N, C-alpha and C. Protein backbone atom coordinates (compact mmCIF):
# COMPACT_ATOMS: atom_id res chain seq x y z
N MET A 1 28.11 -25.82 -1.39
CA MET A 1 26.89 -25.08 -0.49
C MET A 1 26.90 -23.81 -1.12
N ASP A 2 25.67 -23.03 -0.91
CA ASP A 2 25.23 -21.89 -1.71
C ASP A 2 25.81 -20.70 -0.61
N THR A 3 25.87 -19.68 -0.91
CA THR A 3 26.19 -18.69 0.22
C THR A 3 24.91 -17.75 -0.22
N VAL A 4 24.24 -16.93 0.77
CA VAL A 4 23.43 -16.03 0.55
C VAL A 4 23.98 -14.63 0.58
N ASP A 5 23.61 -13.93 -0.78
CA ASP A 5 24.33 -12.73 -0.35
C ASP A 5 23.33 -11.53 0.45
N GLN A 6 23.79 -11.18 1.30
CA GLN A 6 23.12 -9.85 2.04
C GLN A 6 22.21 -9.22 1.65
N GLU A 7 22.65 -8.58 0.46
CA GLU A 7 21.96 -7.55 -0.19
C GLU A 7 20.65 -7.98 -0.76
N ASN A 8 20.91 -9.30 -1.35
CA ASN A 8 19.93 -9.67 -2.11
C ASN A 8 19.09 -10.42 -1.41
N SER A 9 18.88 -10.48 -0.11
CA SER A 9 18.23 -10.86 1.08
C SER A 9 16.94 -10.35 1.32
N ARG A 10 16.90 -9.23 1.05
CA ARG A 10 15.45 -8.25 0.76
C ARG A 10 14.56 -8.24 -0.25
N PRO A 11 13.42 -8.06 -0.13
CA PRO A 11 12.32 -8.47 -1.12
C PRO A 11 12.85 -7.43 -2.41
N ASP A 12 12.62 -7.67 -3.78
CA ASP A 12 12.49 -6.57 -4.60
C ASP A 12 11.61 -5.43 -4.52
N PRO A 13 11.81 -4.51 -4.57
CA PRO A 13 10.69 -3.55 -4.46
C PRO A 13 9.19 -3.95 -5.20
N GLU A 14 9.91 -4.15 -6.83
CA GLU A 14 9.02 -4.58 -7.69
C GLU A 14 7.91 -5.65 -7.14
N GLU A 15 8.77 -6.78 -6.46
CA GLU A 15 7.74 -7.98 -5.63
C GLU A 15 7.10 -7.61 -4.82
N ILE A 16 7.40 -6.54 -3.84
CA ILE A 16 6.74 -6.02 -2.91
C ILE A 16 5.31 -5.16 -3.36
N LYS A 17 5.51 -4.39 -4.37
CA LYS A 17 4.37 -3.84 -4.79
C LYS A 17 3.72 -4.81 -5.72
N GLU A 18 3.76 -5.83 -6.21
CA GLU A 18 3.03 -6.94 -6.48
C GLU A 18 2.25 -7.47 -5.36
N LEU A 19 2.69 -7.78 -4.76
CA LEU A 19 2.12 -8.47 -3.53
C LEU A 19 1.14 -7.61 -2.50
N LEU A 20 1.39 -6.14 -2.47
CA LEU A 20 0.53 -5.14 -2.09
C LEU A 20 -1.11 -4.91 -3.02
N GLN A 21 -0.56 -4.99 -4.42
CA GLN A 21 -1.39 -5.01 -5.29
C GLN A 21 -2.41 -6.38 -5.01
N GLU A 22 -1.77 -7.35 -5.25
CA GLU A 22 -2.62 -8.44 -5.29
C GLU A 22 -3.09 -8.90 -3.55
N ASN A 23 -2.64 -8.17 -2.48
CA ASN A 23 -3.09 -8.01 -1.08
C ASN A 23 -3.31 -9.39 -0.54
N THR A 24 -2.44 -10.30 -0.96
CA THR A 24 -2.61 -11.77 -0.52
C THR A 24 -1.02 -12.14 -0.77
N ILE A 25 -0.36 -13.19 0.03
CA ILE A 25 0.92 -13.93 0.11
C ILE A 25 0.80 -15.06 0.00
N PRO A 26 1.01 -15.84 -0.99
CA PRO A 26 1.03 -17.43 -1.30
C PRO A 26 2.20 -18.11 0.36
N HIS A 27 1.21 -18.81 0.99
CA HIS A 27 2.24 -19.31 1.92
C HIS A 27 2.23 -20.91 1.84
N PRO A 28 3.45 -21.47 2.06
CA PRO A 28 3.35 -22.80 1.96
C PRO A 28 2.62 -23.62 2.74
N SER A 29 2.27 -23.26 4.18
CA SER A 29 1.53 -24.15 5.09
C SER A 29 0.37 -23.50 5.05
N ALA A 30 -0.13 -22.61 4.25
CA ALA A 30 -1.66 -21.96 4.33
C ALA A 30 -2.47 -23.17 4.47
N ASP A 31 -3.51 -23.26 5.05
CA ASP A 31 -4.58 -23.85 4.72
C ASP A 31 -5.46 -23.43 3.62
N PRO A 32 -5.77 -24.55 2.55
CA PRO A 32 -6.29 -23.86 1.31
C PRO A 32 -7.90 -23.19 1.94
N SER A 33 -8.56 -23.66 3.04
CA SER A 33 -9.88 -23.16 3.48
C SER A 33 -9.17 -21.80 4.15
N ASP A 34 -8.21 -21.16 4.12
CA ASP A 34 -8.27 -19.62 4.93
C ASP A 34 -8.59 -18.81 4.09
N THR A 35 -8.91 -18.97 2.33
CA THR A 35 -9.35 -17.98 1.71
C THR A 35 -9.74 -18.53 0.70
N GLU A 36 -10.52 -17.98 -0.38
CA GLU A 36 -11.43 -18.71 -1.56
C GLU A 36 -10.27 -19.39 -2.63
N ASP A 37 -9.27 -18.70 -2.36
CA ASP A 37 -8.12 -18.74 -3.54
C ASP A 37 -6.92 -19.69 -2.89
N GLY A 38 -6.86 -19.94 -1.77
CA GLY A 38 -5.92 -20.91 -1.05
C GLY A 38 -4.71 -19.59 -0.59
N ALA A 39 -4.59 -18.48 -0.50
CA ALA A 39 -3.71 -17.69 -0.30
C ALA A 39 -3.96 -16.73 0.95
N ARG A 40 -3.11 -16.60 1.78
CA ARG A 40 -3.37 -15.91 3.00
C ARG A 40 -3.05 -14.45 2.81
N GLY A 41 -4.41 -13.91 3.46
CA GLY A 41 -4.17 -12.08 3.26
C GLY A 41 -2.70 -11.32 3.96
N LEU A 42 -2.91 -10.11 3.94
CA LEU A 42 -1.67 -9.19 4.47
C LEU A 42 -2.28 -9.27 5.82
N ASP A 43 -3.35 -10.06 6.40
CA ASP A 43 -3.60 -9.66 7.85
C ASP A 43 -2.44 -9.68 9.03
N PHE A 44 -1.77 -10.96 8.68
CA PHE A 44 -0.80 -11.02 9.87
C PHE A 44 0.41 -10.57 9.62
N LEU A 45 0.15 -9.27 9.20
CA LEU A 45 1.23 -8.15 9.44
C LEU A 45 0.80 -6.87 10.06
N TYR A 46 -0.31 -7.13 10.25
CA TYR A 46 -0.97 -5.65 10.92
C TYR A 46 -0.75 -5.84 12.27
N ASP A 47 0.18 -6.79 13.11
CA ASP A 47 0.42 -6.66 14.56
C ASP A 47 1.90 -6.38 14.43
N ILE A 48 2.73 -6.36 13.77
CA ILE A 48 4.06 -5.85 13.54
C ILE A 48 4.31 -4.69 14.10
N PRO A 49 4.74 -4.34 15.17
CA PRO A 49 5.17 -3.17 15.83
C PRO A 49 6.02 -1.93 14.63
N LEU A 50 5.45 -0.61 14.82
CA LEU A 50 6.42 0.12 14.05
C LEU A 50 6.79 1.29 15.02
N GLN A 51 8.11 1.90 14.78
CA GLN A 51 8.69 2.99 15.59
C GLN A 51 7.91 4.25 14.77
N VAL A 52 6.87 4.82 15.61
CA VAL A 52 6.50 6.45 14.75
C VAL A 52 7.32 7.56 15.35
N SER A 53 7.60 8.54 14.66
CA SER A 53 8.33 9.90 15.26
C SER A 53 7.85 10.50 14.33
N VAL A 54 7.78 12.01 15.38
CA VAL A 54 7.47 13.32 14.34
C VAL A 54 8.34 14.24 14.66
N GLU A 55 8.81 14.99 13.40
CA GLU A 55 10.11 15.59 13.41
C GLU A 55 9.46 17.19 13.18
N VAL A 56 10.32 17.95 14.47
CA VAL A 56 9.81 19.54 14.41
C VAL A 56 11.02 20.29 13.26
N GLY A 57 12.09 19.90 13.51
CA GLY A 57 13.17 20.17 12.55
C GLY A 57 14.44 19.53 13.16
N ARG A 58 15.25 20.14 12.69
CA ARG A 58 16.63 19.45 12.66
C ARG A 58 17.73 21.00 13.07
N SER A 59 19.34 20.29 13.72
CA SER A 59 20.15 21.04 13.91
C SER A 59 21.49 20.56 14.05
N LYS A 60 22.37 21.20 13.74
CA LYS A 60 23.94 20.50 13.89
C LYS A 60 24.05 21.43 15.11
N ILE A 61 25.00 20.59 16.06
CA ILE A 61 25.71 21.54 17.05
C ILE A 61 26.85 20.81 17.13
N LEU A 62 27.94 21.96 18.10
CA LEU A 62 29.32 21.72 18.30
C LEU A 62 29.02 20.59 19.54
N LEU A 63 29.99 19.71 20.01
CA LEU A 63 29.86 19.14 21.00
C LEU A 63 30.11 20.23 22.50
N LYS A 64 30.76 20.99 22.19
CA LYS A 64 30.89 22.12 23.00
C LYS A 64 29.77 22.91 23.68
N ASP A 65 28.92 23.09 22.59
CA ASP A 65 27.80 23.41 22.56
C ASP A 65 26.42 22.71 23.61
N LEU A 66 26.70 21.35 23.28
CA LEU A 66 26.00 20.17 23.50
C LEU A 66 26.34 20.01 25.44
N LEU A 67 27.53 20.38 25.61
CA LEU A 67 27.87 20.03 27.11
C LEU A 67 27.22 21.50 27.85
N LYS A 68 27.04 22.63 27.13
CA LYS A 68 26.92 23.79 27.80
C LYS A 68 25.51 23.65 28.31
N MET A 69 24.56 22.90 27.55
CA MET A 69 22.98 23.18 27.39
C MET A 69 22.59 22.80 28.89
N GLY A 70 21.71 23.61 29.17
CA GLY A 70 20.84 23.52 30.36
C GLY A 70 19.50 23.97 30.42
N GLU A 71 18.66 24.03 31.25
CA GLU A 71 17.15 24.12 31.40
C GLU A 71 17.13 25.39 30.73
N GLY A 72 16.19 25.71 29.67
CA GLY A 72 16.30 27.32 29.23
C GLY A 72 16.83 27.36 27.82
N TYR A 73 18.00 26.45 27.82
CA TYR A 73 18.70 26.47 26.48
C TYR A 73 17.96 26.43 25.25
N VAL A 74 18.33 26.97 24.32
CA VAL A 74 17.51 27.18 22.87
C VAL A 74 18.33 26.74 21.83
N ILE A 75 17.47 25.85 20.77
CA ILE A 75 18.46 25.10 19.81
C ILE A 75 17.36 25.63 18.83
N GLU A 76 18.23 26.54 17.87
CA GLU A 76 17.27 26.66 16.37
C GLU A 76 17.20 25.88 15.58
N LEU A 77 15.99 25.58 14.96
CA LEU A 77 16.03 24.55 14.04
C LEU A 77 15.95 25.20 12.79
N ASP A 78 15.81 23.96 11.72
CA ASP A 78 15.93 24.69 10.35
C ASP A 78 14.88 24.41 9.80
N LYS A 79 13.44 24.41 10.27
CA LYS A 79 12.72 24.77 9.79
C LYS A 79 11.95 26.29 10.58
N LEU A 80 11.00 26.52 9.44
CA LEU A 80 10.24 27.92 9.82
C LEU A 80 8.97 27.54 10.95
N ALA A 81 8.65 28.39 11.67
CA ALA A 81 7.38 28.17 12.49
C ALA A 81 6.39 28.35 11.19
N GLY A 82 5.25 27.31 11.84
CA GLY A 82 3.93 27.08 10.68
C GLY A 82 4.55 26.07 9.23
N GLU A 83 5.71 25.73 9.11
CA GLU A 83 6.17 24.64 8.01
C GLU A 83 5.42 23.12 8.52
N PRO A 84 5.29 22.28 7.68
CA PRO A 84 4.77 20.82 8.18
C PRO A 84 5.79 20.24 8.81
N LEU A 85 5.21 19.39 9.90
CA LEU A 85 6.22 18.47 10.39
C LEU A 85 6.30 17.44 9.69
N ASP A 86 7.27 16.51 9.77
CA ASP A 86 7.66 15.27 9.08
C ASP A 86 7.08 13.83 10.21
N LEU A 87 6.92 13.24 9.37
CA LEU A 87 6.50 11.83 10.19
C LEU A 87 6.93 10.87 9.41
N TYR A 88 7.31 10.23 10.15
CA TYR A 88 8.64 9.02 9.89
C TYR A 88 8.24 7.80 10.51
N VAL A 89 7.80 6.68 9.74
CA VAL A 89 7.78 5.05 10.44
C VAL A 89 9.01 4.22 10.16
N ASN A 90 9.71 3.68 11.28
CA ASN A 90 10.53 3.33 11.14
C ASN A 90 12.01 3.94 10.21
N SER A 91 12.22 5.19 10.73
CA SER A 91 13.10 5.90 10.19
C SER A 91 12.63 6.29 8.67
N LYS A 92 11.53 6.23 8.05
CA LYS A 92 11.16 6.64 6.61
C LYS A 92 10.08 7.40 6.70
N LEU A 93 10.29 8.51 5.53
CA LEU A 93 9.56 9.63 5.86
C LEU A 93 7.96 8.91 4.73
N ILE A 94 6.98 9.44 5.67
CA ILE A 94 5.76 8.80 5.21
C ILE A 94 4.69 9.42 4.86
N ALA A 95 4.79 10.99 5.68
CA ALA A 95 3.66 11.97 5.53
C ALA A 95 4.40 13.24 6.08
N ARG A 96 3.62 14.36 6.04
CA ARG A 96 3.65 15.77 6.52
C ARG A 96 2.64 15.93 7.23
N GLY A 97 2.42 17.12 8.15
CA GLY A 97 1.23 17.30 8.68
C GLY A 97 1.23 18.66 9.54
N GLU A 98 0.44 19.02 10.14
CA GLU A 98 0.24 19.92 11.31
C GLU A 98 0.24 19.43 12.86
N ALA A 99 0.39 20.37 13.63
CA ALA A 99 0.43 19.99 14.94
C ALA A 99 -1.09 20.06 15.22
N VAL A 100 -1.76 19.25 16.28
CA VAL A 100 -3.06 19.70 16.68
C VAL A 100 -2.85 19.01 18.25
N MET A 101 -4.02 19.73 18.92
CA MET A 101 -4.05 19.19 20.06
C MET A 101 -5.47 18.34 20.20
N VAL A 102 -4.97 17.11 21.03
CA VAL A 102 -6.08 16.11 21.33
C VAL A 102 -6.46 15.94 22.39
N GLY A 103 -7.56 16.71 23.11
CA GLY A 103 -7.31 16.75 24.29
C GLY A 103 -6.17 17.71 24.75
N GLU A 104 -5.74 16.78 25.88
CA GLU A 104 -4.27 17.40 26.57
C GLU A 104 -2.99 17.15 25.97
N LYS A 105 -3.30 16.32 24.86
CA LYS A 105 -2.07 15.87 23.95
C LYS A 105 -1.76 16.50 22.71
N PHE A 106 -0.37 16.38 22.38
CA PHE A 106 -0.47 16.89 20.74
C PHE A 106 -0.69 15.44 19.94
N GLY A 107 -0.78 16.09 18.61
CA GLY A 107 -1.02 14.98 17.87
C GLY A 107 -0.62 15.63 16.17
N ILE A 108 -0.99 14.86 15.34
CA ILE A 108 -0.26 15.32 13.83
C ILE A 108 -1.60 15.12 12.94
N ARG A 109 -1.88 16.27 12.48
CA ARG A 109 -2.75 15.96 11.23
C ARG A 109 -2.43 16.01 9.82
N LEU A 110 -2.22 14.53 9.04
CA LEU A 110 -1.65 14.65 8.06
C LEU A 110 -2.29 15.53 6.77
N THR A 111 -1.25 15.95 6.08
CA THR A 111 -1.84 17.14 4.92
C THR A 111 -1.18 16.77 3.98
N ASP A 112 0.01 15.55 3.84
CA ASP A 112 0.50 15.52 2.63
C ASP A 112 1.11 13.64 3.22
N VAL A 113 0.67 13.09 2.49
CA VAL A 113 0.91 11.46 2.67
C VAL A 113 1.83 11.11 1.14
N VAL A 114 3.05 10.39 1.67
CA VAL A 114 3.92 10.05 0.55
C VAL A 114 3.36 9.12 -0.04
N SER A 115 3.16 9.09 -1.51
CA SER A 115 2.40 7.73 -2.45
C SER A 115 2.84 6.70 -2.08
N THR A 116 2.46 5.52 -2.19
CA THR A 116 2.49 4.18 -1.70
C THR A 116 3.81 3.66 -2.61
N ALA A 117 3.84 4.34 -3.82
CA ALA A 117 5.19 3.72 -4.86
C ALA A 117 6.03 4.29 -4.27
N ASP A 118 6.18 5.57 -3.60
CA ASP A 118 7.31 5.97 -3.59
C ASP A 118 7.68 5.52 -1.99
N ARG A 119 6.70 5.16 -1.05
CA ARG A 119 7.06 4.55 0.40
C ARG A 119 7.82 3.00 -0.05
N ILE A 120 7.47 2.45 -1.14
CA ILE A 120 7.91 1.10 -1.26
C ILE A 120 9.07 1.30 -1.97
N GLU A 121 9.18 2.11 -2.74
CA GLU A 121 10.74 2.32 -3.50
C GLU A 121 11.63 2.79 -2.24
N ASN A 122 11.33 3.29 -1.14
CA ASN A 122 12.29 3.50 -0.25
C ASN A 122 12.44 3.03 0.95
N LEU A 123 11.85 1.49 0.68
CA LEU A 123 12.06 0.45 1.94
C LEU A 123 13.52 0.05 2.11
N GLY A 124 14.19 -0.08 1.03
CA GLY A 124 15.50 -0.33 0.79
C GLY A 124 16.29 0.37 1.89
């Protein structure tokens, strides 16, 4: 009986790059009439939910300081005012940007997007 190595169960980043460049994924049960070449596009991935977060900055604090926290407590962050915010998708850095107002809500205007190759390389 063959055992599957957990580390090898993830796709190789090179394979992912090739798939994204081709924009098609062959599927054994795909109906040949789905596309001209019989392969299914990446459309089936579009409905996968992703966790998106924006990081203003970071700080390390002691437990005793955490327990002292109350309304009005200020935590100093490692970023300077005006520095770009970091945009993470599923805990992976995807882009940097600046805070904007969208009506009554905050948003982020992307100013620097991590290259596709770097994003794929950091998937693991």
